[in-house]
């Protein structure tokens, strides 16, 4: 997995102006946080596929997978419930904003991390 500055910029732009957003280098790329809780990020696979990743929470996992373009997140040969991938080529700006809103609603339901 590698950092993708173009996809990261798309994600950053979609979050522009939101209070409580920060960035943290994680998992080979940049993850965006709301009050210290992960919202998602972007990366490029070694195969060349660009993907957005969203943290939607375990209780929302099946609902997220039922949405168009969603794939289970699998980093280590094991599905990480509560996280989904979206192929960046299939994710227009309006769709990206919908996914970010979905992930933000989960992140906002969590208590802020200390110092955030």
PDB file of N, CA and C in Angstrom:
ATOM      1  N   UNK A   1       0.839  -1.173   0.000  1.00  0.00           N
ATOM      2  CA  UNK A   1       0.000   0.000   0.000  1.00  0.00           C
ATOM      3  C   UNK A   1       0.883   1.235   0.000  1.00  0.00           C
ATOM      4  N   UNK A   2       0.485   2.227  -0.774  1.00  0.00           N
ATOM      5  CA  UNK A   2       1.289   3.444  -0.860  1.00  0.00           C
ATOM      6  C   UNK A   2       0.393   4.670  -0.760  1.00  0.00           C
ATOM      7  N   UNK A   3       1.004   5.715  -0.337  1.00  0.00           N
ATOM      8  CA  UNK A   3       0.326   7.013  -0.250  1.00  0.00           C
ATOM      9  C   UNK A   3      -0.036   7.478  -1.663  1.00  0.00           C
ATOM     10  N   UNK A   4      -1.196   8.092  -1.795  1.00  0.00           N
ATOM     11  CA  UNK A   4      -1.623   8.673  -3.063  1.00  0.00           C
ATOM     12  C   UNK A   4      -2.017  10.115  -2.784  1.00  0.00           C
ATOM     13  N   UNK A   5      -1.164  11.048  -3.194  1.00  0.00           N
ATOM     14  CA  UNK A   5      -1.387  12.459  -2.861  1.00  0.00           C
ATOM     15  C   UNK A   5      -2.612  13.048  -3.547  1.00  0.00           C
ATOM     16  N   UNK A   6      -2.954  12.573  -4.741  1.00  0.00           N
ATOM     17  CA  UNK A   6      -4.131  13.091  -5.451  1.00  0.00           C
ATOM     18  C   UNK A   6      -5.411  12.671  -4.727  1.00  0.00           C
ATOM     19  N   UNK A   7      -5.514  11.387  -4.371  1.00  0.00           N
ATOM     20  CA  UNK A   7      -6.702  10.915  -3.656  1.00  0.00           C
ATOM     21  C   UNK A   7      -6.784  11.524  -2.259  1.00  0.00           C
ATOM     22  N   UNK A   8      -5.641  11.665  -1.608  1.00  0.00           N
ATOM     23  CA  UNK A   8      -5.615  12.290  -0.286  1.00  0.00           C
ATOM     24  C   UNK A   8      -6.105  13.730  -0.373  1.00  0.00           C
ATOM     25  N   UNK A   9      -5.718  14.433  -1.425  1.00  0.00           N
ATOM     26  CA  UNK A   9      -6.181  15.825  -1.615  1.00  0.00           C
ATOM     27  C   UNK A   9      -7.688  15.871  -1.835  1.00  0.00           C
ATOM     28  N   UNK A  10      -8.245  14.905  -2.567  1.00  0.00           N
ATOM     29  CA  UNK A  10      -9.704  14.852  -2.760  1.00  0.00           C
ATOM     30  C   UNK A  10     -10.407  14.678  -1.427  1.00  0.00           C
ATOM     31  N   UNK A  11      -9.886  13.788  -0.605  1.00  0.00           N
ATOM     32  CA  UNK A  11     -10.478  13.537   0.716  1.00  0.00           C
ATOM     33  C   UNK A  11     -10.371  14.803   1.569  1.00  0.00           C
ATOM     34  N   UNK A  12      -9.185  15.399   1.586  1.00  0.00           N
ATOM     35  CA  UNK A  12      -8.944  16.621   2.369  1.00  0.00           C
ATOM     36  C   UNK A  12      -9.895  17.738   1.925  1.00  0.00           C
ATOM     37  N   UNK A  13     -10.047  17.924   0.626  1.00  0.00           N
ATOM     38  CA  UNK A  13     -10.919  18.977   0.104  1.00  0.00           C
ATOM     39  C   UNK A  13     -12.376  18.754   0.520  1.00  0.00           C
ATOM     40  N   UNK A  14     -12.795  17.488   0.548  1.00  0.00           N
ATOM     41  CA  UNK A  14     -14.173  17.182   0.939  1.00  0.00           C
ATOM     42  C   UNK A  14     -14.420  17.482   2.419  1.00  0.00           C
ATOM     43  N   UNK A  15     -13.366  17.500   3.214  1.00  0.00           N
ATOM     44  CA  UNK A  15     -13.476  17.806   4.648  1.00  0.00           C
ATOM     45  C   UNK A  15     -13.199  19.275   4.968  1.00  0.00           C
ATOM     46  N   UNK A  16     -12.865  20.044   3.967  1.00  0.00           N
ATOM     47  CA  UNK A  16     -12.461  21.434   4.153  1.00  0.00           C
ATOM     48  C   UNK A  16     -13.484  22.214   4.978  1.00  0.00           C
ATOM     49  N   UNK A  17     -12.979  22.915   5.976  1.00  0.00           N
ATOM     50  CA  UNK A  17     -13.822  23.783   6.795  1.00  0.00           C
ATOM     51  C   UNK A  17     -14.489  23.100   7.969  1.00  0.00           C
ATOM     52  N   UNK A  18     -14.374  21.779   8.079  1.00  0.00           N
ATOM     53  CA  UNK A  18     -15.004  21.066   9.192  1.00  0.00           C
ATOM     54  C   UNK A  18     -14.155  21.206  10.449  1.00  0.00           C
ATOM     55  N   UNK A  19     -14.798  21.461  11.560  1.00  0.00           N
ATOM     56  CA  UNK A  19     -14.128  21.633  12.848  1.00  0.00           C
ATOM     57  C   UNK A  19     -13.782  20.266  13.428  1.00  0.00           C
ATOM     58  N   UNK A  20     -12.593  20.171  14.033  1.00  0.00           N
ATOM     59  CA  UNK A  20     -12.191  18.948  14.709  1.00  0.00           C
ATOM     60  C   UNK A  20     -11.468  17.946  13.833  1.00  0.00           C
ATOM     61  N   UNK A  21     -11.197  18.310  12.574  1.00  0.00           N
ATOM     62  CA  UNK A  21     -10.530  17.397  11.639  1.00  0.00           C
ATOM     63  C   UNK A  21      -9.012  17.557  11.761  1.00  0.00           C
ATOM     64  N   UNK A  22      -8.328  16.430  11.800  1.00  0.00           N
ATOM     65  CA  UNK A  22      -6.865  16.419  11.782  1.00  0.00           C
ATOM     66  C   UNK A  22      -6.412  15.293  10.860  1.00  0.00           C
ATOM     67  N   UNK A  23      -5.120  15.299  10.566  1.00  0.00           N
ATOM     68  CA  UNK A  23      -4.526  14.274   9.711  1.00  0.00           C
ATOM     69  C   UNK A  23      -3.464  13.534  10.494  1.00  0.00           C
ATOM     70  N   UNK A  24      -3.352  12.245  10.229  1.00  0.00           N
ATOM     71  CA  UNK A  24      -2.343  11.436  10.886  1.00  0.00           C
ATOM     72  C   UNK A  24      -1.795  10.424   9.885  1.00  0.00           C
ATOM     73  N   UNK A  25      -0.480  10.329   9.803  1.00  0.00           N
ATOM     74  CA  UNK A  25       0.138   9.325   8.944  1.00  0.00           C
ATOM     75  C   UNK A  25      -0.079   7.953   9.572  1.00  0.00           C
ATOM     76  N   UNK A  26      -0.745   7.091   8.821  1.00  0.00           N
ATOM     77  CA  UNK A  26      -1.053   5.741   9.290  1.00  0.00           C
ATOM     78  C   UNK A  26      -1.171   4.803   8.099  1.00  0.00           C
ATOM     79  N   UNK A  27      -0.852   3.554   8.313  1.00  0.00           N
ATOM     80  CA  UNK A  27      -1.094   2.505   7.332  1.00  0.00           C
ATOM     81  C   UNK A  27      -0.537   2.836   5.945  1.00  0.00           C
ATOM     82  N   UNK A  28       0.582   3.503   5.894  1.00  0.00           N
ATOM     83  CA  UNK A  28       1.199   3.816   4.613  1.00  0.00           C
ATOM     84  C   UNK A  28       0.610   5.018   3.902  1.00  0.00           C
ATOM     85  N   UNK A  29      -0.308   5.710   4.531  1.00  0.00           N
ATOM     86  CA  UNK A  29      -0.931   6.876   3.921  1.00  0.00           C
ATOM     87  C   UNK A  29      -1.320   7.887   4.979  1.00  0.00           C
ATOM     88  N   UNK A  30      -2.306   8.688   4.641  1.00  0.00           N
ATOM     89  CA  UNK A  30      -2.821   9.693   5.570  1.00  0.00           C
ATOM     90  C   UNK A  30      -4.239   9.303   5.942  1.00  0.00           C
ATOM     91  N   UNK A  31      -4.517   9.299   7.240  1.00  0.00           N
ATOM     92  CA  UNK A  31      -5.878   9.083   7.719  1.00  0.00           C
ATOM     93  C   UNK A  31      -6.388  10.397   8.285  1.00  0.00           C
ATOM     94  N   UNK A  32      -7.658  10.618   8.091  1.00  0.00           N
ATOM     95  CA  UNK A  32      -8.311  11.820   8.587  1.00  0.00           C
ATOM     96  C   UNK A  32      -9.109  11.449   9.828  1.00  0.00           C
ATOM     97  N   UNK A  33      -9.002  12.310  10.826  1.00  0.00           N
ATOM     98  CA  UNK A  33      -9.587  12.055  12.131  1.00  0.00           C
ATOM     99  C   UNK A  33     -10.568  13.165  12.497  1.00  0.00           C
ATOM    100  N   UNK A  34     -11.604  12.792  13.224  1.00  0.00           N
ATOM    101  CA  UNK A  34     -12.528  13.753  13.820  1.00  0.00           C
ATOM    102  C   UNK A  34     -12.367  13.638  15.323  1.00  0.00           C
ATOM    103  N   UNK A  35     -11.862  14.683  15.941  1.00  0.00           N
ATOM    104  CA  UNK A  35     -11.615  14.686  17.388  1.00  0.00           C
ATOM    105  C   UNK A  35     -10.795  13.468  17.819  1.00  0.00           C
ATOM    106  N   UNK A  36      -9.857  13.072  16.964  1.00  0.00           N
ATOM    107  CA  UNK A  36      -8.969  11.956  17.269  1.00  0.00           C
ATOM    108  C   UNK A  36      -9.477  10.597  16.858  1.00  0.00           C
ATOM    109  N   UNK A  37     -10.693  10.501  16.353  1.00  0.00           N
ATOM    110  CA  UNK A  37     -11.270   9.236  15.905  1.00  0.00           C
ATOM    111  C   UNK A  37     -11.225   9.150  14.378  1.00  0.00           C
ATOM    112  N   UNK A  38     -10.775   8.003  13.865  1.00  0.00           N
ATOM    113  CA  UNK A  38     -10.588   7.849  12.433  1.00  0.00           C
ATOM    114  C   UNK A  38     -11.899   7.957  11.658  1.00  0.00           C
ATOM    115  N   UNK A  39     -11.841   8.732  10.575  1.00  0.00           N
ATOM    116  CA  UNK A  39     -12.930   8.842   9.615  1.00  0.00           C
ATOM    117  C   UNK A  39     -12.597   7.985   8.396  1.00  0.00           C
ATOM    118  N   UNK A  40     -11.391   8.142   7.868  1.00  0.00           N
ATOM    119  CA  UNK A  40     -10.971   7.368   6.699  1.00  0.00           C
ATOM    120  C   UNK A  40      -9.730   7.954   6.081  1.00  0.00           C
ATOM    121  N   UNK A  41      -9.445   7.512   4.873  1.00  0.00           N
ATOM    122  CA  UNK A  41      -8.255   7.971   4.175  1.00  0.00           C
ATOM    123  C   UNK A  41      -8.237   7.470   2.744  1.00  0.00           C
ATOM    124  N   UNK A  42      -7.084   7.575   2.115  1.00  0.00           N
ATOM    125  CA  UNK A  42      -6.917   7.166   0.726  1.00  0.00           C
ATOM    126  C   UNK A  42      -5.544   6.550   0.551  1.00  0.00           C
ATOM    127  N   UNK A  43      -5.446   5.610  -0.367  1.00  0.00           N
ATOM    128  CA  UNK A  43      -4.162   4.998  -0.669  1.00  0.00           C
ATOM    129  C   UNK A  43      -4.196   4.371  -2.059  1.00  0.00           C
ATOM    130  N   UNK A  44      -3.047   3.927  -2.509  1.00  0.00           N
ATOM    131  CA  UNK A  44      -2.928   3.228  -3.786  1.00  0.00           C
ATOM    132  C   UNK A  44      -2.302   1.868  -3.518  1.00  0.00           C
ATOM    133  N   UNK A  45      -2.960   0.821  -3.997  1.00  0.00           N
ATOM    134  CA  UNK A  45      -2.451  -0.544  -3.854  1.00  0.00           C
ATOM    135  C   UNK A  45      -1.215  -0.727  -4.725  1.00  0.00           C
ATOM    136  N   UNK A  46      -0.431  -1.728  -4.432  1.00  0.00           N
ATOM    137  CA  UNK A  46       0.743  -2.028  -5.254  1.00  0.00           C
ATOM    138  C   UNK A  46       0.341  -2.427  -6.673  1.00  0.00           C
ATOM    139  N   UNK A  47      -0.916  -2.849  -6.847  1.00  0.00           N
ATOM    140  CA  UNK A  47      -1.440  -3.198  -8.175  1.00  0.00           C
ATOM    141  C   UNK A  47      -1.832  -1.957  -8.971  1.00  0.00           C
ATOM    142  N   UNK A  48      -1.807  -0.791  -8.318  1.00  0.00           N
ATOM    143  CA  UNK A  48      -2.140   0.459  -8.993  1.00  0.00           C
ATOM    144  C   UNK A  48      -3.540   0.982  -8.706  1.00  0.00           C
ATOM    145  N   UNK A  49      -4.365   0.199  -8.032  1.00  0.00           N
ATOM    146  CA  UNK A  49      -5.732   0.627  -7.749  1.00  0.00           C
ATOM    147  C   UNK A  49      -5.757   1.680  -6.648  1.00  0.00           C
ATOM    148  N   UNK A  50      -6.416   2.800  -6.922  1.00  0.00           N
ATOM    149  CA  UNK A  50      -6.617   3.814  -5.900  1.00  0.00           C
ATOM    150  C   UNK A  50      -7.878   3.500  -5.127  1.00  0.00           C
ATOM    151  N   UNK A  51      -7.817   3.638  -3.812  1.00  0.00           N
ATOM    152  CA  UNK A  51      -8.974   3.331  -2.971  1.00  0.00           C
ATOM    153  C   UNK A  51      -9.136   4.361  -1.870  1.00  0.00           C
ATOM    154  N   UNK A  52     -10.402   4.587  -1.542  1.00  0.00           N
ATOM    155  CA  UNK A  52     -10.731   5.323  -0.335  1.00  0.00           C
ATOM    156  C   UNK A  52     -11.089   4.292   0.723  1.00  0.00           C
ATOM    157  N   UNK A  53     -10.767   4.585   1.963  1.00  0.00           N
ATOM    158  CA  UNK A  53     -11.092   3.730   3.086  1.00  0.00           C
ATOM    159  C   UNK A  53     -11.919   4.555   4.062  1.00  0.00           C
ATOM    160  N   UNK A  54     -12.979   3.932   4.580  1.00  0.00           N
ATOM    161  CA  UNK A  54     -13.848   4.613   5.533  1.00  0.00           C
ATOM    162  C   UNK A  54     -14.071   3.741   6.751  1.00  0.00           C
ATOM    163  N   UNK A  55     -14.021   4.358   7.913  1.00  0.00           N
ATOM    164  CA  UNK A  55     -14.382   3.674   9.153  1.00  0.00           C
ATOM    165  C   UNK A  55     -15.853   3.963   9.403  1.00  0.00           C
ATOM    166  N   UNK A  56     -16.667   2.926   9.346  1.00  0.00           N
ATOM    167  CA  UNK A  56     -18.115   3.083   9.492  1.00  0.00           C
ATOM    168  C   UNK A  56     -18.644   2.458  10.776  1.00  0.00           C
ATOM    169  N   UNK A  57     -17.809   1.703  11.478  1.00  0.00           N
ATOM    170  CA  UNK A  57     -18.226   1.042  12.708  1.00  0.00           C
ATOM    171  C   UNK A  57     -18.796  -0.337  12.454  1.00  0.00           C
ATOM    172  N   UNK A  58     -18.553  -1.230  13.398  1.00  0.00           N
ATOM    173  CA  UNK A  58     -18.999  -2.625  13.235  1.00  0.00           C
ATOM    174  C   UNK A  58     -20.508  -2.736  13.081  1.00  0.00           C
ATOM    175  N   UNK A  59     -21.266  -1.926  13.806  1.00  0.00           N
ATOM    176  CA  UNK A  59     -22.725  -2.002  13.721  1.00  0.00           C
ATOM    177  C   UNK A  59     -23.253  -1.531  12.361  1.00  0.00           C
ATOM    178  N   UNK A  60     -22.472  -0.763  11.633  1.00  0.00           N
ATOM    179  CA  UNK A  60     -22.882  -0.240  10.319  1.00  0.00           C
ATOM    180  C   UNK A  60     -22.239  -0.998   9.157  1.00  0.00           C
ATOM    181  N   UNK A  61     -21.486  -2.052   9.474  1.00  0.00           N
ATOM    182  CA  UNK A  61     -20.697  -2.748   8.456  1.00  0.00           C
ATOM    183  C   UNK A  61     -21.573  -3.297   7.312  1.00  0.00           C
ATOM    184  N   UNK A  62     -22.617  -4.020   7.641  1.00  0.00           N
ATOM    185  CA  UNK A  62     -23.467  -4.623   6.603  1.00  0.00           C
ATOM    186  C   UNK A  62     -24.177  -3.548   5.786  1.00  0.00           C
ATOM    187  N   UNK A  63     -24.640  -2.507   6.445  1.00  0.00           N
ATOM    188  CA  UNK A  63     -25.279  -1.391   5.734  1.00  0.00           C
ATOM    189  C   UNK A  63     -24.297  -0.755   4.754  1.00  0.00           C
ATOM    190  N   UNK A  64     -23.062  -0.581   5.186  1.00  0.00           N
ATOM    191  CA  UNK A  64     -22.041   0.010   4.317  1.00  0.00           C
ATOM    192  C   UNK A  64     -21.765  -0.891   3.115  1.00  0.00           C
ATOM    193  N   UNK A  65     -21.651  -2.200   3.346  1.00  0.00           N
ATOM    194  CA  UNK A  65     -21.363  -3.121   2.243  1.00  0.00           C
ATOM    195  C   UNK A  65     -22.506  -3.195   1.234  1.00  0.00           C
ATOM    196  N   UNK A  66     -23.717  -2.850   1.651  1.00  0.00           N
ATOM    197  CA  UNK A  66     -24.865  -2.854   0.738  1.00  0.00           C
ATOM    198  C   UNK A  66     -24.874  -1.634  -0.185  1.00  0.00           C
ATOM    199  N   UNK A  67     -24.041  -0.651   0.118  1.00  0.00           N
ATOM    200  CA  UNK A  67     -23.968   0.552  -0.716  1.00  0.00           C
ATOM    201  C   UNK A  67     -23.153   0.273  -1.979  1.00  0.00           C
ATOM    202  N   UNK A  68     -23.495   0.967  -3.074  1.00  0.00           N
ATOM    203  CA  UNK A  68     -22.766   0.744  -4.330  1.00  0.00           C
ATOM    204  C   UNK A  68     -21.259   0.993  -4.179  1.00  0.00           C
ATOM    205  N   UNK A  69     -20.471   0.066  -4.689  1.00  0.00           N
ATOM    206  CA  UNK A  69     -19.022   0.230  -4.734  1.00  0.00           C
ATOM    207  C   UNK A  69     -18.263  -0.192  -3.495  1.00  0.00           C
ATOM    208  N   UNK A  70     -18.959  -0.544  -2.416  1.00  0.00           N
ATOM    209  CA  UNK A  70     -18.283  -0.892  -1.162  1.00  0.00           C
ATOM    210  C   UNK A  70     -17.698  -2.290  -1.223  1.00  0.00           C
ATOM    211  N   UNK A  71     -16.493  -2.417  -0.674  1.00  0.00           N
ATOM    212  CA  UNK A  71     -15.809  -3.706  -0.561  1.00  0.00           C
ATOM    213  C   UNK A  71     -15.313  -3.853   0.866  1.00  0.00           C
ATOM    214  N   UNK A  72     -15.295  -5.070   1.383  1.00  0.00           N
ATOM    215  CA  UNK A  72     -14.745  -5.250   2.725  1.00  0.00           C
ATOM    216  C   UNK A  72     -13.270  -4.870   2.759  1.00  0.00           C
ATOM    217  N   UNK A  73     -12.841  -4.289   3.850  1.00  0.00           N
ATOM    218  CA  UNK A  73     -11.437  -3.952   4.007  1.00  0.00           C
ATOM    219  C   UNK A  73     -10.698  -5.187   4.498  1.00  0.00           C
ATOM    220  N   UNK A  74      -9.666  -5.560   3.777  1.00  0.00           N
ATOM    221  CA  UNK A  74      -8.887  -6.755   4.086  1.00  0.00           C
ATOM    222  C   UNK A  74      -7.422  -6.406   3.905  1.00  0.00           C
ATOM    223  N   UNK A  75      -6.720  -6.206   5.018  1.00  0.00           N
ATOM    224  CA  UNK A  75      -5.298  -5.872   4.963  1.00  0.00           C
ATOM    225  C   UNK A  75      -4.420  -7.102   5.116  1.00  0.00           C
ATOM    226  N   UNK A  76      -4.864  -8.026   5.927  1.00  0.00           N
ATOM    227  CA  UNK A  76      -3.989  -9.117   6.336  1.00  0.00           C
ATOM    228  C   UNK A  76      -4.565 -10.488   6.017  1.00  0.00           C
ATOM    229  N   UNK A  77      -5.490 -10.567   5.075  1.00  0.00           N
ATOM    230  CA  UNK A  77      -6.154 -11.827   4.798  1.00  0.00           C
ATOM    231  C   UNK A  77      -7.378 -12.027   5.677  1.00  0.00           C
ATOM    232  N   UNK A  78      -7.695 -11.021   6.475  1.00  0.00           N
ATOM    233  CA  UNK A  78      -8.843 -11.075   7.370  1.00  0.00           C
ATOM    234  C   UNK A  78      -9.642  -9.779   7.217  1.00  0.00           C
ATOM    235  N   UNK A  79     -10.956  -9.913   7.061  1.00  0.00           N
ATOM    236  CA  UNK A  79     -11.821  -8.740   6.924  1.00  0.00           C
ATOM    237  C   UNK A  79     -11.830  -7.960   8.232  1.00  0.00           C
ATOM    238  N   UNK A  80     -11.657  -6.658   8.107  1.00  0.00           N
ATOM    239  CA  UNK A  80     -11.720  -5.768   9.274  1.00  0.00           C
ATOM    240  C   UNK A  80     -13.121  -5.158   9.323  1.00  0.00           C
ATOM    241  N   UNK A  81     -13.968  -5.765  10.155  1.00  0.00           N
ATOM    242  CA  UNK A  81     -15.343  -5.274  10.270  1.00  0.00           C
ATOM    243  C   UNK A  81     -15.341  -3.820  10.750  1.00  0.00           C
ATOM    244  N   UNK A  82     -16.238  -3.055  10.163  1.00  0.00           N
ATOM    245  CA  UNK A  82     -16.329  -1.646  10.536  1.00  0.00           C
ATOM    246  C   UNK A  82     -15.554  -0.727   9.619  1.00  0.00           C
ATOM    247  N   UNK A  83     -14.841  -1.318   8.644  1.00  0.00           N
ATOM    248  CA  UNK A  83     -14.068  -0.556   7.671  1.00  0.00           C
ATOM    249  C   UNK A  83     -14.409  -1.053   6.264  1.00  0.00           C
ATOM    250  N   UNK A  84     -14.497  -0.138   5.308  1.00  0.00           N
ATOM    251  CA  UNK A  84     -14.755  -0.523   3.920  1.00  0.00           C
ATOM    252  C   UNK A  84     -13.829   0.239   2.983  1.00  0.00           C
ATOM    253  N   UNK A  85     -13.596  -0.369   1.830  1.00  0.00           N
ATOM    254  CA  UNK A  85     -12.878   0.261   0.732  1.00  0.00           C
ATOM    255  C   UNK A  85     -13.867   0.642  -0.351  1.00  0.00           C
ATOM    256  N   UNK A  86     -13.560   1.725  -1.063  1.00  0.00           N
ATOM    257  CA  UNK A  86     -14.294   2.158  -2.245  1.00  0.00           C
ATOM    258  C   UNK A  86     -13.269   2.412  -3.336  1.00  0.00           C
ATOM    259  N   UNK A  87     -13.464   1.837  -4.496  1.00  0.00           N
ATOM    260  CA  UNK A  87     -12.552   2.070  -5.624  1.00  0.00           C
ATOM    261  C   UNK A  87     -12.645   3.540  -6.016  1.00  0.00           C
ATOM    262  N   UNK A  88     -11.522   4.227  -6.014  1.00  0.00           N
ATOM    263  CA  UNK A  88     -11.507   5.670  -6.281  1.00  0.00           C
ATOM    264  C   UNK A  88     -11.998   6.009  -7.684  1.00  0.00           C
ATOM    265  N   UNK A  89     -11.758   5.122  -8.658  1.00  0.00           N
ATOM    266  CA  UNK A  89     -12.214   5.384 -10.025  1.00  0.00           C
ATOM    267  C   UNK A  89     -13.729   5.418 -10.130  1.00  0.00           C
ATOM    268  N   UNK A  90     -14.401   4.745  -9.201  1.00  0.00           N
ATOM    269  CA  UNK A  90     -15.862   4.685  -9.212  1.00  0.00           C
ATOM    270  C   UNK A  90     -16.499   5.645  -8.218  1.00  0.00           C
ATOM    271  N   UNK A  91     -15.707   6.534  -7.654  1.00  0.00           N
ATOM    272  CA  UNK A  91     -16.191   7.398  -6.578  1.00  0.00           C
ATOM    273  C   UNK A  91     -16.124   8.867  -7.003  1.00  0.00           C
ATOM    274  N   UNK A  92     -17.195   9.328  -7.624  1.00  0.00           N
ATOM    275  CA  UNK A  92     -17.294  10.743  -8.012  1.00  0.00           C
ATOM    276  C   UNK A  92     -17.376  11.592  -6.739  1.00  0.00           C
ATOM    277  N   UNK A  93     -17.207  12.882  -6.884  1.00  0.00           N
ATOM    278  CA  UNK A  93     -17.174  13.776  -5.724  1.00  0.00           C
ATOM    279  C   UNK A  93     -18.425  13.684  -4.854  1.00  0.00           C
ATOM    280  N   UNK A  94     -19.616  13.577  -5.476  1.00  0.00           N
ATOM    281  CA  UNK A  94     -20.852  13.483  -4.686  1.00  0.00           C
ATOM    282  C   UNK A  94     -20.877  12.189  -3.870  1.00  0.00           C
ATOM    283  N   UNK A  95     -20.419  11.102  -4.478  1.00  0.00           N
ATOM    284  CA  UNK A  95     -20.368   9.825  -3.776  1.00  0.00           C
ATOM    285  C   UNK A  95     -19.340   9.879  -2.641  1.00  0.00           C
ATOM    286  N   UNK A  96     -18.202  10.504  -2.900  1.00  0.00           N
ATOM    287  CA  UNK A  96     -17.184  10.668  -1.866  1.00  0.00           C
ATOM    288  C   UNK A  96     -17.762  11.440  -0.684  1.00  0.00           C
ATOM    289  N   UNK A  97     -18.494  12.488  -0.955  1.00  0.00           N
ATOM    290  CA  UNK A  97     -19.087  13.288   0.116  1.00  0.00           C
ATOM    291  C   UNK A  97     -20.096  12.463   0.912  1.00  0.00           C
ATOM    292  N   UNK A  98     -20.884  11.623   0.229  1.00  0.00           N
ATOM    293  CA  UNK A  98     -21.837  10.750   0.937  1.00  0.00           C
ATOM    294  C   UNK A  98     -21.118   9.778   1.866  1.00  0.00           C
ATOM    295  N   UNK A  99     -20.031   9.169   1.373  1.00  0.00           N
ATOM    296  CA  UNK A  99     -19.267   8.240   2.202  1.00  0.00           C
ATOM    297  C   UNK A  99     -18.624   8.962   3.383  1.00  0.00           C
ATOM    298  N   UNK A 100     -18.104  10.134   3.146  1.00  0.00           N
ATOM    299  CA  UNK A 100     -17.496  10.890   4.240  1.00  0.00           C
ATOM    300  C   UNK A 100     -18.549  11.235   5.291  1.00  0.00           C
ATOM    301  N   UNK A 101     -19.734  11.622   4.859  1.00  0.00           N
ATOM    302  CA  UNK A 101     -20.808  11.928   5.811  1.00  0.00           C
ATOM    303  C   UNK A 101     -21.174  10.701   6.641  1.00  0.00           C
ATOM    304  N   UNK A 102     -21.232   9.552   5.996  1.00  0.00           N
ATOM    305  CA  UNK A 102     -21.538   8.291   6.682  1.00  0.00           C
ATOM    306  C   UNK A 102     -20.471   7.995   7.740  1.00  0.00           C
ATOM    307  N   UNK A 103     -19.204   8.105   7.344  1.00  0.00           N
ATOM    308  CA  UNK A 103     -18.094   7.844   8.272  1.00  0.00           C
ATOM    309  C   UNK A 103     -18.025   8.900   9.379  1.00  0.00           C
ATOM    310  N   UNK A 104     -18.287  10.157   9.031  1.00  0.00           N
ATOM    311  CA  UNK A 104     -18.287  11.220  10.045  1.00  0.00           C
ATOM    312  C   UNK A 104     -19.362  10.980  11.099  1.00  0.00           C
ATOM    313  N   UNK A 105     -20.517  10.482  10.686  1.00  0.00           N
ATOM    314  CA  UNK A 105     -21.587  10.252  11.659  1.00  0.00           C
ATOM    315  C   UNK A 105     -21.164   9.195  12.676  1.00  0.00           C
ATOM    316  N   UNK A 106     -20.409   8.187  12.218  1.00  0.00           N
ATOM    317  CA  UNK A 106     -19.910   7.199  13.172  1.00  0.00           C
ATOM    318  C   UNK A 106     -18.849   7.814  14.077  1.00  0.00           C
ATOM    319  N   UNK A 107     -17.877   8.500  13.492  1.00  0.00           N
ATOM    320  CA  UNK A 107     -16.794   9.108  14.278  1.00  0.00           C
ATOM    321  C   UNK A 107     -17.361  10.093  15.309  1.00  0.00           C
ATOM    322  N   UNK A 108     -18.397  10.825  14.931  1.00  0.00           N
ATOM    323  CA  UNK A 108     -18.993  11.805  15.834  1.00  0.00           C
ATOM    324  C   UNK A 108     -19.719  11.133  17.005  1.00  0.00           C
ATOM    325  N   UNK A 109     -20.073   9.857  16.852  1.00  0.00           N
ATOM    326  CA  UNK A 109     -20.751   9.136  17.926  1.00  0.00           C
ATOM    327  C   UNK A 109     -19.790   8.656  19.015  1.00  0.00           C
ATOM    328  N   UNK A 110     -18.494   8.771  18.752  1.00  0.00           N
ATOM    329  CA  UNK A 110     -17.472   8.311  19.699  1.00  0.00           C
ATOM    330  C   UNK A 110     -16.995   9.469  20.566  1.00  0.00           C
ATOM    331  N   UNK A 111     -16.558   9.160  21.782  1.00  0.00           N
ATOM    332  CA  UNK A 111     -16.036  10.250  22.611  1.00  0.00           C
ATOM    333  C   UNK A 111     -14.720  10.771  22.032  1.00  0.00           C
ATOM    334  N   UNK A 112     -14.481  12.081  22.130  1.00  0.00           N
ATOM    335  CA  UNK A 112     -13.196  12.626  21.647  1.00  0.00           C
ATOM    336  C   UNK A 112     -12.039  11.974  22.374  1.00  0.00           C
ATOM    337  N   UNK A 113     -10.940  11.801  21.633  1.00  0.00           N
ATOM    338  CA  UNK A 113      -9.721  11.281  22.246  1.00  0.00           C
ATOM    339  C   UNK A 113      -9.127  12.380  23.122  1.00  0.00           C
ATOM    340  N   UNK A 114      -8.480  12.020  24.219  1.00  0.00           N
ATOM    341  CA  UNK A 114      -7.873  13.033  25.098  1.00  0.00           C
ATOM    342  C   UNK A 114      -6.934  13.954  24.313  1.00  0.00           C
ATOM    343  N   UNK A 115      -7.065  15.235  24.553  1.00  0.00           N
ATOM    344  CA  UNK A 115      -6.199  16.226  23.919  1.00  0.00           C
ATOM    345  C   UNK A 115      -6.603  16.575  22.507  1.00  0.00           C
ATOM    346  N   UNK A 116      -7.737  16.105  22.032  1.00  0.00           N
ATOM    347  CA  UNK A 116      -8.136  16.382  20.643  1.00  0.00           C
ATOM    348  C   UNK A 116      -9.282  17.347  20.569  1.00  0.00           C
TER     349      UNK A 116
END
